[in-house]
Amino acid sequence: MYLDFYGLREKPFSATPDPKFLYLTRRHRDALAQLTYGVQNDVGFVLLTGEVGTGKTTLLRTLLSRLDGATAAAFVFNSTLSFDGLLEYILEDFGIAKAGDTPAQRLVALNNFLIERHRAGQRTILILDEAQNLTLETLEQIRLLSNFETPTAKLLQILLVGQPELRTKLRLPAMRQLQQRITLRFSIGPLSPEETREYIYARLRIAGARDLGIFTPRAIHR
């Protein structure tokens, strides 16, 4: 097996995002700081975009691993759901039981849950990954979730995460109100050649490689 041959404890490259393998470039550190700020300061909507493979999902999992016990998070990665399906998923992720059979009853249950957490000094965040696939109607209904608020604070922090097409979709006239509610925006670009090399070396080290010369400079460049 190639792991033994190269002296690796585990696979250094996997299709499944793993925060342990997160390589923080300056842009990634800035993005993580922005996300953390947004969560801790009740800003409402935060937008994070980047091409496939730029580390968005891994960054989100790193953020979740660093949240304190006073923060509850629902992480939705199935962006093909209708809003009703999305709402049901959110309630289940937050552990809200007996929420009712209709969308209206479920929204009331979610609102009550958020109010109770706010009174206890706790934060609640909703992360929507691959949000570029959400329909305009679903995005508009998600915007309405930000109406859960007190006179001084938003009860639900919402992170919209997706590919650059999400920014294009949000510029449509129908998305004007949602666009106006986004307080923080951040985009992650592709790695530079130097960052790519360091990224590969970092993953090899974490996986236990004794020899970082597994890949030639030419292979890394390609």
N, C-alpha and C. Protein backbone atom coordinates (compact mmCIF):
# COMPACT_ATOMS: atom_id res chain seq x y z
N MET A 1 0.85 -1.19 0.00
CA MET A 1 0.00 0.00 0.00
C MET A 1 0.89 1.24 0.00
N TYR A 2 0.47 2.28 -0.73
CA TYR A 2 1.35 3.43 -0.90
C TYR A 2 1.61 4.18 0.40
N LEU A 3 0.71 4.05 1.40
CA LEU A 3 0.94 4.72 2.68
C LEU A 3 2.21 4.20 3.33
N ASP A 4 2.37 2.89 3.36
CA ASP A 4 3.58 2.29 3.94
C ASP A 4 4.80 2.65 3.12
N PHE A 5 4.66 2.62 1.81
CA PHE A 5 5.81 2.88 0.93
C PHE A 5 6.36 4.28 1.16
N TYR A 6 5.48 5.26 1.33
CA TYR A 6 5.92 6.64 1.51
C TYR A 6 6.01 7.05 2.99
N GLY A 7 5.77 6.10 3.88
CA GLY A 7 5.89 6.40 5.30
C GLY A 7 4.80 7.31 5.82
N LEU A 8 3.59 7.15 5.31
CA LEU A 8 2.47 8.00 5.71
C LEU A 8 1.58 7.29 6.73
N ARG A 9 1.08 8.05 7.69
CA ARG A 9 0.14 7.49 8.66
C ARG A 9 -1.28 7.44 8.12
N GLU A 10 -1.59 8.37 7.21
CA GLU A 10 -2.92 8.46 6.64
C GLU A 10 -2.83 9.12 5.27
N LYS A 11 -3.94 9.13 4.56
CA LYS A 11 -3.95 9.74 3.24
C LYS A 11 -3.83 11.26 3.36
N PRO A 12 -2.84 11.86 2.69
CA PRO A 12 -2.67 13.31 2.79
C PRO A 12 -3.68 14.11 1.98
N PHE A 13 -4.31 13.45 1.00
CA PHE A 13 -5.27 14.15 0.14
C PHE A 13 -6.55 13.33 0.08
N SER A 14 -7.64 13.95 0.50
CA SER A 14 -8.93 13.27 0.53
C SER A 14 -10.00 14.21 0.01
N ALA A 15 -11.04 13.64 -0.57
CA ALA A 15 -12.14 14.46 -1.08
C ALA A 15 -13.00 15.00 0.05
N THR A 16 -12.86 14.43 1.26
CA THR A 16 -13.64 14.87 2.40
C THR A 16 -12.91 15.97 3.16
N PRO A 17 -13.50 17.15 3.32
CA PRO A 17 -12.83 18.24 4.04
C PRO A 17 -12.51 17.86 5.47
N ASP A 18 -11.30 18.14 5.93
CA ASP A 18 -10.86 17.82 7.29
C ASP A 18 -10.12 19.03 7.84
N PRO A 19 -10.66 19.67 8.92
CA PRO A 19 -10.00 20.86 9.48
C PRO A 19 -8.55 20.61 9.89
N LYS A 20 -8.22 19.37 10.21
CA LYS A 20 -6.85 19.06 10.61
C LYS A 20 -5.85 19.39 9.51
N PHE A 21 -6.30 19.30 8.26
CA PHE A 21 -5.42 19.54 7.12
C PHE A 21 -5.53 20.97 6.58
N LEU A 22 -6.23 21.83 7.30
CA LEU A 22 -6.40 23.19 6.81
C LEU A 22 -5.05 23.90 6.70
N TYR A 23 -4.77 24.42 5.52
CA TYR A 23 -3.56 25.23 5.30
C TYR A 23 -4.01 26.68 5.21
N LEU A 24 -3.59 27.48 6.16
CA LEU A 24 -4.04 28.85 6.24
C LEU A 24 -3.09 29.80 5.52
N THR A 25 -3.49 30.22 4.33
CA THR A 25 -2.78 31.31 3.67
C THR A 25 -3.23 32.61 4.34
N ARG A 26 -2.64 33.71 3.93
CA ARG A 26 -3.05 34.99 4.50
C ARG A 26 -4.54 35.23 4.25
N ARG A 27 -4.99 34.90 3.03
CA ARG A 27 -6.41 35.09 2.71
C ARG A 27 -7.30 34.20 3.57
N HIS A 28 -6.86 32.96 3.82
CA HIS A 28 -7.65 32.07 4.66
C HIS A 28 -7.71 32.59 6.09
N ARG A 29 -6.58 33.08 6.59
CA ARG A 29 -6.57 33.63 7.95
C ARG A 29 -7.50 34.84 8.05
N ASP A 30 -7.46 35.68 7.02
CA ASP A 30 -8.35 36.85 7.00
C ASP A 30 -9.82 36.41 6.96
N ALA A 31 -10.10 35.40 6.13
CA ALA A 31 -11.48 34.92 6.01
C ALA A 31 -11.97 34.33 7.33
N LEU A 32 -11.12 33.54 7.99
CA LEU A 32 -11.50 32.95 9.27
C LEU A 32 -11.74 34.03 10.32
N ALA A 33 -10.91 35.06 10.30
CA ALA A 33 -11.09 36.18 11.23
C ALA A 33 -12.40 36.91 10.96
N GLN A 34 -12.72 37.10 9.67
CA GLN A 34 -13.97 37.77 9.31
C GLN A 34 -15.19 36.95 9.74
N LEU A 35 -15.13 35.65 9.49
CA LEU A 35 -16.23 34.77 9.87
C LEU A 35 -16.42 34.78 11.38
N THR A 36 -15.32 34.69 12.11
CA THR A 36 -15.39 34.69 13.57
C THR A 36 -15.97 36.00 14.08
N TYR A 37 -15.53 37.10 13.48
CA TYR A 37 -16.06 38.42 13.87
C TYR A 37 -17.56 38.48 13.62
N GLY A 38 -17.99 37.99 12.46
CA GLY A 38 -19.40 38.03 12.12
C GLY A 38 -20.25 37.25 13.10
N VAL A 39 -19.76 36.07 13.49
CA VAL A 39 -20.49 35.23 14.43
C VAL A 39 -20.56 35.87 15.81
N GLN A 40 -19.46 36.46 16.24
CA GLN A 40 -19.37 37.00 17.61
C GLN A 40 -20.03 38.36 17.77
N ASN A 41 -20.33 39.04 16.67
CA ASN A 41 -20.85 40.40 16.77
C ASN A 41 -22.25 40.58 16.21
N ASP A 42 -22.95 39.46 16.01
CA ASP A 42 -24.37 39.53 15.64
C ASP A 42 -24.63 40.44 14.44
N VAL A 43 -23.88 40.22 13.36
CA VAL A 43 -24.00 41.11 12.21
C VAL A 43 -25.13 40.72 11.25
N GLY A 44 -25.73 39.55 11.45
CA GLY A 44 -26.80 39.13 10.54
C GLY A 44 -26.28 38.23 9.44
N PHE A 45 -26.14 38.77 8.22
CA PHE A 45 -25.68 37.97 7.08
C PHE A 45 -24.19 38.16 6.81
N VAL A 46 -23.51 37.04 6.54
CA VAL A 46 -22.11 37.04 6.11
C VAL A 46 -22.03 36.24 4.82
N LEU A 47 -21.28 36.73 3.84
CA LEU A 47 -21.13 36.06 2.54
C LEU A 47 -19.68 35.65 2.34
N LEU A 48 -19.47 34.36 2.04
CA LEU A 48 -18.14 33.84 1.73
C LEU A 48 -18.21 33.10 0.40
N THR A 49 -17.38 33.51 -0.56
CA THR A 49 -17.38 32.85 -1.87
C THR A 49 -15.97 32.44 -2.27
N GLY A 50 -15.91 31.49 -3.20
CA GLY A 50 -14.64 31.02 -3.72
C GLY A 50 -14.88 29.86 -4.66
N GLU A 51 -13.93 29.64 -5.56
CA GLU A 51 -14.06 28.53 -6.50
C GLU A 51 -13.99 27.19 -5.77
N VAL A 52 -14.38 26.13 -6.47
CA VAL A 52 -14.28 24.78 -5.93
C VAL A 52 -12.82 24.49 -5.58
N GLY A 53 -12.60 23.92 -4.39
CA GLY A 53 -11.25 23.53 -4.01
C GLY A 53 -10.43 24.61 -3.33
N THR A 54 -11.04 25.75 -3.03
CA THR A 54 -10.28 26.83 -2.38
C THR A 54 -10.33 26.75 -0.86
N GLY A 55 -11.01 25.73 -0.32
CA GLY A 55 -10.97 25.51 1.13
C GLY A 55 -12.13 26.10 1.91
N LYS A 56 -13.23 26.43 1.24
CA LYS A 56 -14.36 27.06 1.93
C LYS A 56 -14.97 26.14 2.99
N THR A 57 -15.29 24.91 2.59
CA THR A 57 -15.94 23.99 3.51
C THR A 57 -15.03 23.63 4.67
N THR A 58 -13.75 23.40 4.39
CA THR A 58 -12.80 23.10 5.45
C THR A 58 -12.68 24.28 6.40
N LEU A 59 -12.71 25.48 5.85
CA LEU A 59 -12.66 26.69 6.67
C LEU A 59 -13.87 26.76 7.60
N LEU A 60 -15.04 26.41 7.08
CA LEU A 60 -16.25 26.42 7.89
C LEU A 60 -16.16 25.41 9.02
N ARG A 61 -15.65 24.23 8.72
CA ARG A 61 -15.52 23.20 9.75
C ARG A 61 -14.52 23.63 10.82
N THR A 62 -13.48 24.36 10.41
CA THR A 62 -12.53 24.90 11.37
C THR A 62 -13.21 25.93 12.26
N LEU A 63 -14.03 26.78 11.65
CA LEU A 63 -14.79 27.76 12.43
C LEU A 63 -15.67 27.07 13.46
N LEU A 64 -16.39 26.03 13.03
CA LEU A 64 -17.27 25.31 13.94
C LEU A 64 -16.50 24.68 15.09
N SER A 65 -15.31 24.17 14.80
CA SER A 65 -14.51 23.52 15.85
C SER A 65 -14.00 24.52 16.88
N ARG A 66 -13.99 25.80 16.53
CA ARG A 66 -13.47 26.82 17.44
C ARG A 66 -14.56 27.58 18.19
N LEU A 67 -15.81 27.27 17.89
CA LEU A 67 -16.90 27.95 18.59
C LEU A 67 -17.01 27.45 20.02
N ASP A 68 -17.38 28.34 20.92
CA ASP A 68 -17.52 27.93 22.32
C ASP A 68 -18.86 27.25 22.52
N GLY A 69 -19.05 26.71 23.72
CA GLY A 69 -20.25 25.95 24.01
C GLY A 69 -21.51 26.77 24.03
N ALA A 70 -21.37 28.10 24.04
CA ALA A 70 -22.55 28.97 24.07
C ALA A 70 -23.09 29.25 22.67
N THR A 71 -22.47 28.67 21.65
CA THR A 71 -22.89 28.90 20.27
C THR A 71 -23.42 27.61 19.66
N ALA A 72 -24.64 27.64 19.18
CA ALA A 72 -25.23 26.50 18.47
C ALA A 72 -25.21 26.79 16.98
N ALA A 73 -24.90 25.77 16.18
CA ALA A 73 -24.81 25.98 14.74
C ALA A 73 -25.55 24.88 13.99
N ALA A 74 -26.26 25.28 12.96
CA ALA A 74 -26.85 24.34 12.00
C ALA A 74 -26.08 24.49 10.70
N PHE A 75 -25.58 23.37 10.18
CA PHE A 75 -24.74 23.39 8.99
C PHE A 75 -25.49 22.66 7.88
N VAL A 76 -26.00 23.41 6.91
CA VAL A 76 -26.78 22.83 5.81
C VAL A 76 -25.92 22.76 4.56
N PHE A 77 -25.70 21.55 4.06
CA PHE A 77 -24.87 21.38 2.87
C PHE A 77 -25.67 20.87 1.68
N ASN A 78 -26.95 20.60 1.89
CA ASN A 78 -27.82 20.15 0.79
C ASN A 78 -28.61 21.36 0.29
N SER A 79 -28.06 22.02 -0.72
CA SER A 79 -28.67 23.25 -1.21
C SER A 79 -29.75 23.01 -2.26
N THR A 80 -30.13 21.76 -2.46
CA THR A 80 -31.20 21.46 -3.42
C THR A 80 -32.56 21.37 -2.73
N LEU A 81 -32.59 21.53 -1.42
CA LEU A 81 -33.84 21.43 -0.68
C LEU A 81 -34.74 22.63 -0.95
N SER A 82 -36.04 22.41 -0.88
CA SER A 82 -36.98 23.52 -0.89
C SER A 82 -36.86 24.23 0.46
N PHE A 83 -37.50 25.40 0.59
CA PHE A 83 -37.40 26.08 1.88
C PHE A 83 -38.05 25.27 2.99
N ASP A 84 -39.17 24.61 2.70
CA ASP A 84 -39.82 23.78 3.72
C ASP A 84 -38.88 22.66 4.17
N GLY A 85 -38.22 22.02 3.20
CA GLY A 85 -37.26 20.97 3.53
C GLY A 85 -36.07 21.52 4.30
N LEU A 86 -35.64 22.70 3.89
CA LEU A 86 -34.52 23.38 4.56
C LEU A 86 -34.89 23.70 6.01
N LEU A 87 -36.09 24.20 6.21
CA LEU A 87 -36.54 24.55 7.55
C LEU A 87 -36.61 23.31 8.44
N GLU A 88 -37.11 22.23 7.89
CA GLU A 88 -37.17 20.97 8.64
C GLU A 88 -35.77 20.50 9.03
N TYR A 89 -34.83 20.62 8.11
CA TYR A 89 -33.44 20.23 8.36
C TYR A 89 -32.85 21.10 9.47
N ILE A 90 -33.10 22.41 9.41
CA ILE A 90 -32.56 23.35 10.40
C ILE A 90 -33.08 23.02 11.79
N LEU A 91 -34.38 22.78 11.90
CA LEU A 91 -34.98 22.44 13.19
C LEU A 91 -34.37 21.17 13.76
N GLU A 92 -34.18 20.19 12.90
CA GLU A 92 -33.60 18.92 13.36
C GLU A 92 -32.16 19.13 13.82
N ASP A 93 -31.40 19.94 13.07
CA ASP A 93 -30.00 20.18 13.43
C ASP A 93 -29.89 20.93 14.76
N PHE A 94 -30.83 21.80 15.04
CA PHE A 94 -30.84 22.52 16.31
C PHE A 94 -31.45 21.70 17.45
N GLY A 95 -31.99 20.53 17.11
CA GLY A 95 -32.59 19.68 18.14
C GLY A 95 -33.94 20.17 18.62
N ILE A 96 -34.67 20.87 17.74
CA ILE A 96 -35.98 21.40 18.11
C ILE A 96 -37.04 20.34 17.82
N ALA A 97 -37.61 19.76 18.87
CA ALA A 97 -38.61 18.71 18.70
C ALA A 97 -40.02 19.29 18.77
N LYS A 98 -40.97 18.55 18.24
CA LYS A 98 -42.38 18.95 18.27
C LYS A 98 -42.57 20.37 17.74
N ALA A 99 -42.07 20.59 16.55
CA ALA A 99 -42.13 21.93 15.97
C ALA A 99 -43.43 22.21 15.23
N GLY A 100 -44.28 21.20 15.09
CA GLY A 100 -45.53 21.40 14.37
C GLY A 100 -45.46 20.83 12.97
N ASP A 101 -46.61 20.79 12.32
CA ASP A 101 -46.72 20.16 11.00
C ASP A 101 -46.70 21.15 9.85
N THR A 102 -46.95 22.41 10.11
CA THR A 102 -47.00 23.40 9.04
C THR A 102 -45.76 24.29 9.08
N PRO A 103 -45.40 24.90 7.94
CA PRO A 103 -44.25 25.83 7.94
C PRO A 103 -44.42 26.95 8.95
N ALA A 104 -45.64 27.47 9.11
CA ALA A 104 -45.88 28.56 10.06
C ALA A 104 -45.59 28.11 11.49
N GLN A 105 -46.03 26.91 11.84
CA GLN A 105 -45.77 26.39 13.18
C GLN A 105 -44.27 26.16 13.41
N ARG A 106 -43.59 25.73 12.37
CA ARG A 106 -42.15 25.48 12.50
C ARG A 106 -41.38 26.79 12.66
N LEU A 107 -41.83 27.83 11.97
CA LEU A 107 -41.19 29.13 12.11
C LEU A 107 -41.40 29.68 13.52
N VAL A 108 -42.58 29.47 14.07
CA VAL A 108 -42.85 29.91 15.45
C VAL A 108 -41.94 29.15 16.42
N ALA A 109 -41.78 27.85 16.20
CA ALA A 109 -40.92 27.04 17.06
C ALA A 109 -39.47 27.51 16.98
N LEU A 110 -39.02 27.84 15.77
CA LEU A 110 -37.65 28.34 15.59
C LEU A 110 -37.49 29.68 16.29
N ASN A 111 -38.46 30.56 16.14
CA ASN A 111 -38.39 31.88 16.78
C ASN A 111 -38.32 31.75 18.30
N ASN A 112 -39.15 30.87 18.86
CA ASN A 112 -39.13 30.66 20.31
C ASN A 112 -37.78 30.13 20.78
N PHE A 113 -37.21 29.22 20.00
CA PHE A 113 -35.90 28.65 20.31
C PHE A 113 -34.83 29.74 20.31
N LEU A 114 -34.87 30.61 19.31
CA LEU A 114 -33.89 31.68 19.21
C LEU A 114 -34.03 32.69 20.35
N ILE A 115 -35.25 33.00 20.71
CA ILE A 115 -35.49 33.94 21.81
C ILE A 115 -34.95 33.38 23.13
N GLU A 116 -35.20 32.10 23.37
CA GLU A 116 -34.72 31.47 24.61
C GLU A 116 -33.20 31.49 24.67
N ARG A 117 -32.56 31.21 23.55
CA ARG A 117 -31.09 31.21 23.54
C ARG A 117 -30.56 32.63 23.74
N HIS A 118 -31.20 33.60 23.13
CA HIS A 118 -30.74 34.98 23.29
C HIS A 118 -30.86 35.43 24.75
N ARG A 119 -31.96 35.08 25.39
CA ARG A 119 -32.16 35.44 26.80
C ARG A 119 -31.10 34.79 27.68
N ALA A 120 -30.62 33.64 27.27
CA ALA A 120 -29.59 32.93 28.05
C ALA A 120 -28.17 33.40 27.69
N GLY A 121 -28.08 34.41 26.81
CA GLY A 121 -26.77 34.92 26.42
C GLY A 121 -26.04 34.02 25.44
N GLN A 122 -26.79 33.23 24.67
CA GLN A 122 -26.20 32.28 23.73
C GLN A 122 -26.43 32.73 22.29
N ARG A 123 -25.50 32.34 21.42
CA ARG A 123 -25.59 32.70 20.00
C ARG A 123 -26.07 31.50 19.18
N THR A 124 -26.68 31.81 18.04
CA THR A 124 -27.16 30.77 17.14
C THR A 124 -26.81 31.16 15.71
N ILE A 125 -26.17 30.23 15.00
CA ILE A 125 -25.77 30.53 13.63
C ILE A 125 -26.28 29.46 12.67
N LEU A 126 -26.55 29.89 11.45
CA LEU A 126 -26.97 29.00 10.37
C LEU A 126 -25.97 29.14 9.23
N ILE A 127 -25.38 28.02 8.83
CA ILE A 127 -24.41 28.01 7.74
C ILE A 127 -25.03 27.28 6.55
N LEU A 128 -25.10 27.96 5.41
CA LEU A 128 -25.65 27.37 4.19
C LEU A 128 -24.52 27.23 3.17
N ASP A 129 -24.04 26.01 2.99
CA ASP A 129 -22.96 25.76 2.05
C ASP A 129 -23.53 25.49 0.66
N GLU A 130 -22.72 25.72 -0.37
CA GLU A 130 -23.15 25.56 -1.77
C GLU A 130 -24.42 26.37 -2.04
N ALA A 131 -24.47 27.57 -1.47
CA ALA A 131 -25.69 28.38 -1.54
C ALA A 131 -25.99 28.90 -2.94
N GLN A 132 -25.03 28.77 -3.87
CA GLN A 132 -25.30 29.22 -5.25
C GLN A 132 -26.39 28.38 -5.90
N ASN A 133 -26.67 27.19 -5.33
CA ASN A 133 -27.69 26.31 -5.91
C ASN A 133 -29.09 26.60 -5.37
N LEU A 134 -29.20 27.45 -4.36
CA LEU A 134 -30.51 27.77 -3.82
C LEU A 134 -31.31 28.60 -4.82
N THR A 135 -32.60 28.35 -4.89
CA THR A 135 -33.45 29.12 -5.80
C THR A 135 -33.63 30.55 -5.25
N LEU A 136 -34.04 31.46 -6.13
CA LEU A 136 -34.29 32.83 -5.70
C LEU A 136 -35.38 32.87 -4.63
N GLU A 137 -36.38 32.04 -4.79
CA GLU A 137 -37.48 32.00 -3.82
C GLU A 137 -36.97 31.55 -2.45
N THR A 138 -36.12 30.52 -2.45
CA THR A 138 -35.59 30.02 -1.18
C THR A 138 -34.67 31.05 -0.53
N LEU A 139 -33.84 31.72 -1.33
CA LEU A 139 -32.97 32.76 -0.79
C LEU A 139 -33.79 33.89 -0.17
N GLU A 140 -34.89 34.25 -0.81
CA GLU A 140 -35.74 35.31 -0.26
C GLU A 140 -36.35 34.87 1.07
N GLN A 141 -36.76 33.62 1.15
CA GLN A 141 -37.34 33.13 2.41
C GLN A 141 -36.27 33.04 3.50
N ILE A 142 -35.05 32.73 3.11
CA ILE A 142 -33.94 32.74 4.08
C ILE A 142 -33.71 34.16 4.59
N ARG A 143 -33.84 35.13 3.69
CA ARG A 143 -33.70 36.53 4.11
C ARG A 143 -34.70 36.86 5.22
N LEU A 144 -35.90 36.33 5.09
CA LEU A 144 -36.93 36.62 6.08
C LEU A 144 -36.59 36.05 7.45
N LEU A 145 -35.72 35.03 7.48
CA LEU A 145 -35.30 34.49 8.78
C LEU A 145 -34.52 35.53 9.58
N SER A 146 -33.91 36.47 8.88
CA SER A 146 -33.16 37.51 9.59
C SER A 146 -34.09 38.51 10.28
N ASN A 147 -35.40 38.37 10.05
CA ASN A 147 -36.36 39.21 10.76
C ASN A 147 -36.54 38.77 12.21
N PHE A 148 -36.00 37.59 12.54
CA PHE A 148 -36.01 37.17 13.94
C PHE A 148 -34.99 38.03 14.68
N GLU A 149 -35.46 38.99 15.44
CA GLU A 149 -34.56 39.93 16.09
C GLU A 149 -35.22 40.58 17.29
N THR A 150 -34.38 41.18 18.12
CA THR A 150 -34.85 42.04 19.20
C THR A 150 -34.58 43.48 18.75
N PRO A 151 -34.98 44.47 19.52
CA PRO A 151 -34.67 45.85 19.12
C PRO A 151 -33.18 46.13 19.02
N THR A 152 -32.35 45.27 19.63
CA THR A 152 -30.91 45.56 19.65
C THR A 152 -30.03 44.49 19.00
N ALA A 153 -30.59 43.33 18.65
CA ALA A 153 -29.72 42.26 18.14
C ALA A 153 -30.46 41.32 17.21
N LYS A 154 -29.71 40.76 16.26
CA LYS A 154 -30.21 39.68 15.42
C LYS A 154 -30.16 38.38 16.22
N LEU A 155 -31.22 37.59 16.13
CA LEU A 155 -31.26 36.34 16.87
C LEU A 155 -30.57 35.20 16.13
N LEU A 156 -30.42 35.35 14.82
CA LEU A 156 -29.83 34.29 14.01
C LEU A 156 -28.78 34.88 13.08
N GLN A 157 -27.55 34.40 13.20
CA GLN A 157 -26.48 34.82 12.28
C GLN A 157 -26.47 33.84 11.11
N ILE A 158 -26.47 34.34 9.89
CA ILE A 158 -26.58 33.48 8.71
C ILE A 158 -25.35 33.65 7.84
N LEU A 159 -24.67 32.53 7.57
CA LEU A 159 -23.49 32.53 6.70
C LEU A 159 -23.88 31.89 5.36
N LEU A 160 -23.81 32.67 4.30
CA LEU A 160 -24.04 32.16 2.95
C LEU A 160 -22.70 31.85 2.31
N VAL A 161 -22.50 30.61 1.92
CA VAL A 161 -21.21 30.18 1.39
C VAL A 161 -21.43 29.51 0.04
N GLY A 162 -20.61 29.89 -0.94
CA GLY A 162 -20.79 29.27 -2.25
C GLY A 162 -19.74 29.68 -3.25
N GLN A 163 -19.94 29.24 -4.46
CA GLN A 163 -19.04 29.55 -5.57
C GLN A 163 -19.34 30.97 -6.09
N PRO A 164 -18.47 31.53 -6.93
CA PRO A 164 -18.66 32.91 -7.40
C PRO A 164 -20.03 33.18 -8.02
N GLU A 165 -20.67 32.14 -8.55
CA GLU A 165 -22.00 32.34 -9.13
C GLU A 165 -23.00 32.89 -8.10
N LEU A 166 -22.72 32.63 -6.82
CA LEU A 166 -23.62 33.14 -5.78
C LEU A 166 -23.63 34.66 -5.78
N ARG A 167 -22.45 35.27 -5.95
CA ARG A 167 -22.39 36.74 -6.00
C ARG A 167 -23.20 37.27 -7.20
N THR A 168 -23.08 36.56 -8.32
CA THR A 168 -23.84 36.96 -9.51
C THR A 168 -25.35 36.89 -9.25
N LYS A 169 -25.77 35.80 -8.61
CA LYS A 169 -27.19 35.63 -8.31
C LYS A 169 -27.69 36.71 -7.36
N LEU A 170 -26.86 37.08 -6.39
CA LEU A 170 -27.28 38.08 -5.41
C LEU A 170 -27.37 39.49 -5.99
N ARG A 171 -26.78 39.69 -7.18
CA ARG A 171 -26.86 41.00 -7.83
C ARG A 171 -28.14 41.17 -8.65
N LEU A 172 -28.93 40.11 -8.77
CA LEU A 172 -30.18 40.20 -9.51
C LEU A 172 -31.15 41.13 -8.78
N PRO A 173 -32.00 41.85 -9.53
CA PRO A 173 -32.95 42.78 -8.90
C PRO A 173 -33.80 42.13 -7.81
N ALA A 174 -34.17 40.86 -8.01
CA ALA A 174 -35.02 40.18 -7.03
C ALA A 174 -34.31 39.96 -5.70
N MET A 175 -32.98 40.05 -5.71
CA MET A 175 -32.19 39.81 -4.50
C MET A 175 -31.72 41.10 -3.84
N ARG A 176 -32.29 42.22 -4.25
CA ARG A 176 -31.81 43.52 -3.75
C ARG A 176 -31.91 43.62 -2.23
N GLN A 177 -33.03 43.18 -1.66
CA GLN A 177 -33.20 43.30 -0.22
C GLN A 177 -32.23 42.40 0.54
N LEU A 178 -32.00 41.20 0.02
CA LEU A 178 -31.03 40.31 0.66
C LEU A 178 -29.63 40.90 0.54
N GLN A 179 -29.30 41.41 -0.63
CA GLN A 179 -27.98 42.02 -0.84
C GLN A 179 -27.72 43.12 0.17
N GLN A 180 -28.74 43.90 0.48
CA GLN A 180 -28.59 45.02 1.41
C GLN A 180 -28.37 44.55 2.85
N ARG A 181 -28.76 43.34 3.15
CA ARG A 181 -28.63 42.84 4.52
C ARG A 181 -27.30 42.15 4.79
N ILE A 182 -26.51 41.95 3.75
CA ILE A 182 -25.21 41.30 3.93
C ILE A 182 -24.22 42.33 4.47
N THR A 183 -23.74 42.08 5.67
CA THR A 183 -22.86 43.03 6.35
C THR A 183 -21.39 42.78 6.02
N LEU A 184 -21.00 41.52 5.94
CA LEU A 184 -19.61 41.17 5.65
C LEU A 184 -19.55 40.31 4.39
N ARG A 185 -18.61 40.63 3.51
CA ARG A 185 -18.39 39.86 2.29
C ARG A 185 -16.92 39.50 2.18
N PHE A 186 -16.65 38.24 1.81
CA PHE A 186 -15.25 37.84 1.66
C PHE A 186 -15.15 36.81 0.55
N SER A 187 -14.07 36.90 -0.22
CA SER A 187 -13.84 35.97 -1.32
C SER A 187 -12.46 35.33 -1.18
N ILE A 188 -12.40 34.02 -1.38
CA ILE A 188 -11.13 33.29 -1.32
C ILE A 188 -10.69 32.97 -2.74
N GLY A 189 -9.51 33.41 -3.12
CA GLY A 189 -8.98 33.14 -4.45
C GLY A 189 -8.15 31.87 -4.49
N PRO A 190 -7.71 31.46 -5.68
CA PRO A 190 -6.86 30.27 -5.82
C PRO A 190 -5.49 30.51 -5.21
N LEU A 191 -4.80 29.42 -4.87
CA LEU A 191 -3.46 29.51 -4.30
C LEU A 191 -2.45 29.95 -5.35
N SER A 192 -1.46 30.69 -4.91
CA SER A 192 -0.34 31.03 -5.79
C SER A 192 0.55 29.80 -5.93
N PRO A 193 1.48 29.77 -6.91
CA PRO A 193 2.39 28.63 -7.04
C PRO A 193 3.14 28.33 -5.74
N GLU A 194 3.62 29.37 -5.06
CA GLU A 194 4.34 29.17 -3.80
C GLU A 194 3.42 28.61 -2.72
N GLU A 195 2.20 29.13 -2.64
CA GLU A 195 1.24 28.63 -1.65
C GLU A 195 0.84 27.19 -1.96
N THR A 196 0.75 26.86 -3.25
CA THR A 196 0.42 25.49 -3.64
C THR A 196 1.49 24.52 -3.15
N ARG A 197 2.75 24.90 -3.32
CA ARG A 197 3.86 24.05 -2.86
C ARG A 197 3.80 23.87 -1.34
N GLU A 198 3.62 24.96 -0.61
CA GLU A 198 3.57 24.88 0.85
C GLU A 198 2.34 24.12 1.32
N TYR A 199 1.25 24.23 0.57
CA TYR A 199 0.02 23.50 0.90
C TYR A 199 0.27 21.99 0.80
N ILE A 200 0.91 21.58 -0.27
CA ILE A 200 1.22 20.15 -0.46
C ILE A 200 2.14 19.65 0.63
N TYR A 201 3.19 20.42 0.92
CA TYR A 201 4.14 20.03 1.96
C TYR A 201 3.45 19.94 3.33
N ALA A 202 2.57 20.89 3.61
CA ALA A 202 1.88 20.90 4.90
C ALA A 202 1.02 19.65 5.08
N ARG A 203 0.31 19.26 4.03
CA ARG A 203 -0.54 18.07 4.12
C ARG A 203 0.30 16.81 4.26
N LEU A 204 1.43 16.77 3.58
CA LEU A 204 2.31 15.62 3.70
C LEU A 204 2.85 15.51 5.12
N ARG A 205 3.24 16.63 5.71
CA ARG A 205 3.75 16.62 7.09
C ARG A 205 2.69 16.11 8.06
N ILE A 206 1.48 16.63 7.93
CA ILE A 206 0.40 16.23 8.83
C ILE A 206 0.10 14.74 8.68
N ALA A 207 0.22 14.23 7.47
CA ALA A 207 -0.03 12.81 7.21
C ALA A 207 1.12 11.92 7.66
N GLY A 208 2.23 12.54 8.12
CA GLY A 208 3.35 11.77 8.65
C GLY A 208 4.48 11.49 7.70
N ALA A 209 4.54 12.19 6.57
CA ALA A 209 5.59 11.93 5.57
C ALA A 209 6.97 12.24 6.15
N ARG A 210 7.90 11.33 5.94
CA ARG A 210 9.29 11.55 6.35
C ARG A 210 10.08 12.25 5.26
N ASP A 211 9.61 12.10 4.03
CA ASP A 211 10.29 12.70 2.88
C ASP A 211 9.30 13.58 2.13
N LEU A 212 9.57 14.88 2.09
CA LEU A 212 8.67 15.80 1.41
C LEU A 212 8.93 15.86 -0.09
N GLY A 213 9.90 15.10 -0.55
CA GLY A 213 10.23 15.10 -1.97
C GLY A 213 9.45 14.09 -2.78
N ILE A 214 8.29 13.68 -2.26
CA ILE A 214 7.45 12.72 -2.98
C ILE A 214 7.06 13.27 -4.35
N PHE A 215 6.77 14.57 -4.39
CA PHE A 215 6.40 15.23 -5.64
C PHE A 215 7.56 16.08 -6.13
N THR A 216 7.88 15.97 -7.40
CA THR A 216 8.93 16.79 -7.98
C THR A 216 8.42 18.22 -8.17
N PRO A 217 9.32 19.21 -8.26
CA PRO A 217 8.88 20.59 -8.52
C PRO A 217 8.02 20.69 -9.77
N ARG A 218 8.35 19.90 -10.79
CA ARG A 218 7.57 19.94 -12.02
C ARG A 218 6.14 19.44 -11.78
N ALA A 219 6.03 18.36 -10.99
CA ALA A 219 4.70 17.82 -10.69
C ALA A 219 3.86 18.82 -9.90
N ILE A 220 4.50 19.51 -8.95
CA ILE A 220 3.80 20.51 -8.16
C ILE A 220 3.34 21.66 -9.04
N HIS A 221 4.19 22.08 -9.95
CA HIS A 221 3.86 23.19 -10.84
C HIS A 221 2.67 22.86 -11.72
N ARG A 222 2.55 21.62 -12.13
CA ARG A 222 1.45 21.22 -12.99
C ARG A 222 0.15 21.16 -12.21
